[in-house]
Amino acid sequence: MGSEFQDSTIGGELTLQRGFDITKKQQKPGTVPVVSSGGISSFHNESKAARPATPCATYCYHATG
């Protein structure tokens, strides 16, 4: 089994980045999910993250498509 795995660090495998703050007032109608700690809270017309991306903060855009 040891030959199937390599030693690495989290930073060597992925980049952690805090999400982007956006208020309901700033949002424009669209298809990009705005993801909060409770899941998808609304949709916006612009994505701030490149794919693939996984939300990991209070509010952030989830890259789709």
N, C-alpha and C. Protein backbone atom coordinates (compact mmCIF):
# COMPACT_ATOMS: atom_id res chain seq x y z
N MET A 1 0.82 -1.19 0.00
CA MET A 1 0.00 0.00 0.00
C MET A 1 0.87 1.26 0.00
N GLY A 2 2.03 1.23 0.61
CA GLY A 2 2.88 2.40 0.71
C GLY A 2 3.25 2.99 -0.64
N SER A 3 3.35 2.18 -1.68
CA SER A 3 3.74 2.70 -2.99
C SER A 3 2.60 3.45 -3.69
N GLU A 4 1.37 3.34 -3.18
CA GLU A 4 0.23 4.03 -3.79
C GLU A 4 0.12 5.47 -3.34
N PHE A 5 0.81 5.85 -2.27
CA PHE A 5 0.69 7.19 -1.71
C PHE A 5 2.03 7.90 -1.69
N GLN A 6 1.98 9.21 -1.81
CA GLN A 6 3.19 10.03 -1.72
C GLN A 6 3.01 11.04 -0.60
N ASP A 7 4.09 11.34 0.10
CA ASP A 7 4.04 12.39 1.11
C ASP A 7 3.81 13.72 0.44
N SER A 8 2.96 14.53 1.02
CA SER A 8 2.66 15.84 0.47
C SER A 8 2.11 16.73 1.58
N THR A 9 1.83 17.97 1.24
CA THR A 9 1.19 18.90 2.15
C THR A 9 -0.12 19.36 1.52
N ILE A 10 -1.01 19.93 2.32
CA ILE A 10 -2.26 20.46 1.77
C ILE A 10 -1.94 21.51 0.71
N GLY A 11 -1.00 22.40 1.02
CA GLY A 11 -0.63 23.45 0.07
C GLY A 11 -0.03 22.92 -1.22
N GLY A 12 0.52 21.72 -1.17
CA GLY A 12 1.06 21.10 -2.37
C GLY A 12 -0.01 20.49 -3.26
N GLU A 13 -1.20 20.31 -2.73
CA GLU A 13 -2.28 19.67 -3.46
C GLU A 13 -3.41 20.62 -3.86
N LEU A 14 -3.62 21.68 -3.08
CA LEU A 14 -4.71 22.60 -3.39
C LEU A 14 -4.42 23.96 -2.77
N THR A 15 -5.17 24.94 -3.22
CA THR A 15 -5.04 26.29 -2.69
C THR A 15 -6.30 26.65 -1.93
N LEU A 16 -6.15 27.03 -0.67
CA LEU A 16 -7.29 27.48 0.12
C LEU A 16 -7.42 28.99 -0.03
N GLN A 17 -8.63 29.43 -0.30
CA GLN A 17 -8.89 30.86 -0.45
C GLN A 17 -10.23 31.18 0.17
N ARG A 18 -10.25 32.23 0.95
CA ARG A 18 -11.51 32.68 1.53
C ARG A 18 -12.44 33.14 0.41
N GLY A 19 -13.73 33.00 0.65
CA GLY A 19 -14.72 33.42 -0.35
C GLY A 19 -14.80 34.93 -0.47
N PHE A 20 -15.74 35.37 -1.27
CA PHE A 20 -15.92 36.80 -1.55
C PHE A 20 -17.21 37.29 -0.89
N ASP A 21 -17.14 38.40 -0.20
CA ASP A 21 -18.33 38.97 0.43
C ASP A 21 -19.21 39.64 -0.62
N ILE A 22 -20.51 39.41 -0.52
CA ILE A 22 -21.47 40.08 -1.40
C ILE A 22 -22.79 40.19 -0.64
N THR A 23 -23.39 41.35 -0.69
CA THR A 23 -24.68 41.56 -0.04
C THR A 23 -25.79 41.29 -1.05
N LYS A 24 -27.00 41.10 -0.55
CA LYS A 24 -28.15 40.91 -1.44
C LYS A 24 -28.32 42.13 -2.36
N LYS A 25 -28.04 43.31 -1.83
CA LYS A 25 -28.18 44.53 -2.62
C LYS A 25 -27.19 44.57 -3.79
N GLN A 26 -26.03 43.98 -3.62
CA GLN A 26 -25.00 43.96 -4.68
C GLN A 26 -25.27 42.89 -5.73
N GLN A 27 -26.08 41.90 -5.42
CA GLN A 27 -26.32 40.79 -6.33
C GLN A 27 -27.22 41.20 -7.49
N LYS A 28 -26.92 40.62 -8.65
CA LYS A 28 -27.75 40.81 -9.85
C LYS A 28 -28.28 39.45 -10.26
N PRO A 29 -29.48 39.39 -10.83
CA PRO A 29 -30.06 38.10 -11.22
C PRO A 29 -29.13 37.30 -12.13
N GLY A 30 -28.98 36.03 -11.84
CA GLY A 30 -28.12 35.17 -12.64
C GLY A 30 -28.23 33.73 -12.21
N THR A 31 -27.30 32.91 -12.70
CA THR A 31 -27.34 31.47 -12.47
C THR A 31 -26.19 30.96 -11.61
N VAL A 32 -25.32 31.83 -11.14
CA VAL A 32 -24.17 31.42 -10.33
C VAL A 32 -24.61 31.36 -8.87
N PRO A 33 -24.55 30.17 -8.24
CA PRO A 33 -24.98 30.06 -6.85
C PRO A 33 -24.09 30.89 -5.92
N VAL A 34 -24.71 31.58 -4.98
CA VAL A 34 -23.99 32.23 -3.89
C VAL A 34 -24.14 31.28 -2.71
N VAL A 35 -23.01 30.75 -2.25
CA VAL A 35 -23.02 29.71 -1.24
C VAL A 35 -22.60 30.28 0.10
N SER A 36 -23.43 30.06 1.10
CA SER A 36 -23.12 30.50 2.47
C SER A 36 -22.87 29.27 3.33
N SER A 37 -22.64 29.48 4.60
CA SER A 37 -22.39 28.35 5.50
C SER A 37 -23.58 27.40 5.57
N GLY A 38 -24.76 27.88 5.22
CA GLY A 38 -25.96 27.04 5.22
C GLY A 38 -26.30 26.43 3.87
N GLY A 39 -25.46 26.65 2.87
CA GLY A 39 -25.71 26.13 1.52
C GLY A 39 -25.97 27.26 0.54
N ILE A 40 -26.62 26.96 -0.57
CA ILE A 40 -26.91 27.97 -1.59
C ILE A 40 -27.96 28.93 -1.03
N SER A 41 -27.61 30.21 -0.96
CA SER A 41 -28.54 31.19 -0.39
C SER A 41 -29.23 32.04 -1.44
N SER A 42 -28.62 32.16 -2.62
CA SER A 42 -29.21 32.94 -3.72
C SER A 42 -28.37 32.71 -4.96
N PHE A 43 -28.65 33.49 -6.01
CA PHE A 43 -27.90 33.37 -7.27
C PHE A 43 -27.47 34.76 -7.74
N HIS A 44 -26.35 34.80 -8.46
CA HIS A 44 -25.76 36.05 -8.95
C HIS A 44 -25.38 35.86 -10.41
N ASN A 45 -25.05 36.94 -11.09
CA ASN A 45 -24.74 36.85 -12.52
C ASN A 45 -23.25 36.72 -12.82
N GLU A 46 -22.40 36.70 -11.80
CA GLU A 46 -20.96 36.69 -12.03
C GLU A 46 -20.27 35.72 -11.07
N SER A 47 -19.34 34.93 -11.61
CA SER A 47 -18.55 34.03 -10.79
C SER A 47 -17.20 34.69 -10.51
N LYS A 48 -16.74 34.59 -9.28
CA LYS A 48 -15.43 35.16 -8.90
C LYS A 48 -14.36 34.08 -8.82
N ALA A 49 -14.73 32.82 -8.83
CA ALA A 49 -13.78 31.73 -8.66
C ALA A 49 -13.62 30.96 -9.96
N ALA A 50 -12.41 30.49 -10.20
CA ALA A 50 -12.15 29.64 -11.36
C ALA A 50 -12.48 28.20 -11.00
N ARG A 51 -12.88 27.40 -11.98
CA ARG A 51 -13.18 26.01 -11.71
C ARG A 51 -11.89 25.22 -11.62
N PRO A 52 -11.86 24.12 -10.95
CA PRO A 52 -12.87 23.73 -9.98
C PRO A 52 -12.69 24.51 -8.68
N ALA A 53 -13.77 24.76 -7.99
CA ALA A 53 -13.70 25.49 -6.73
C ALA A 53 -14.72 24.92 -5.76
N THR A 54 -14.38 24.93 -4.50
CA THR A 54 -15.28 24.49 -3.45
C THR A 54 -15.39 25.58 -2.41
N PRO A 55 -16.58 26.04 -2.10
CA PRO A 55 -16.73 27.09 -1.10
C PRO A 55 -16.24 26.63 0.26
N CYS A 56 -15.58 27.53 0.98
CA CYS A 56 -15.04 27.14 2.29
C CYS A 56 -15.08 28.29 3.29
N ALA A 57 -16.04 29.21 3.14
CA ALA A 57 -16.12 30.34 4.05
C ALA A 57 -17.58 30.74 4.23
N THR A 58 -17.80 31.84 4.93
CA THR A 58 -19.15 32.29 5.21
C THR A 58 -19.95 32.50 3.94
N TYR A 59 -19.47 33.32 3.02
CA TYR A 59 -20.10 33.53 1.72
C TYR A 59 -19.03 33.46 0.65
N CYS A 60 -19.35 32.80 -0.44
CA CYS A 60 -18.43 32.79 -1.57
C CYS A 60 -19.17 32.34 -2.82
N TYR A 61 -18.62 32.65 -3.96
CA TYR A 61 -19.17 32.21 -5.22
C TYR A 61 -18.69 30.81 -5.50
N HIS A 62 -19.53 30.01 -6.12
CA HIS A 62 -19.14 28.66 -6.50
C HIS A 62 -19.03 28.62 -8.01
N ALA A 63 -17.85 28.28 -8.50
CA ALA A 63 -17.64 28.21 -9.95
C ALA A 63 -18.45 27.04 -10.52
N THR A 64 -19.17 27.29 -11.58
CA THR A 64 -19.98 26.25 -12.21
C THR A 64 -19.73 26.23 -13.71
N GLY A 65 -20.26 25.21 -14.35
CA GLY A 65 -20.22 25.17 -15.80
C GLY A 65 -19.11 24.36 -16.38
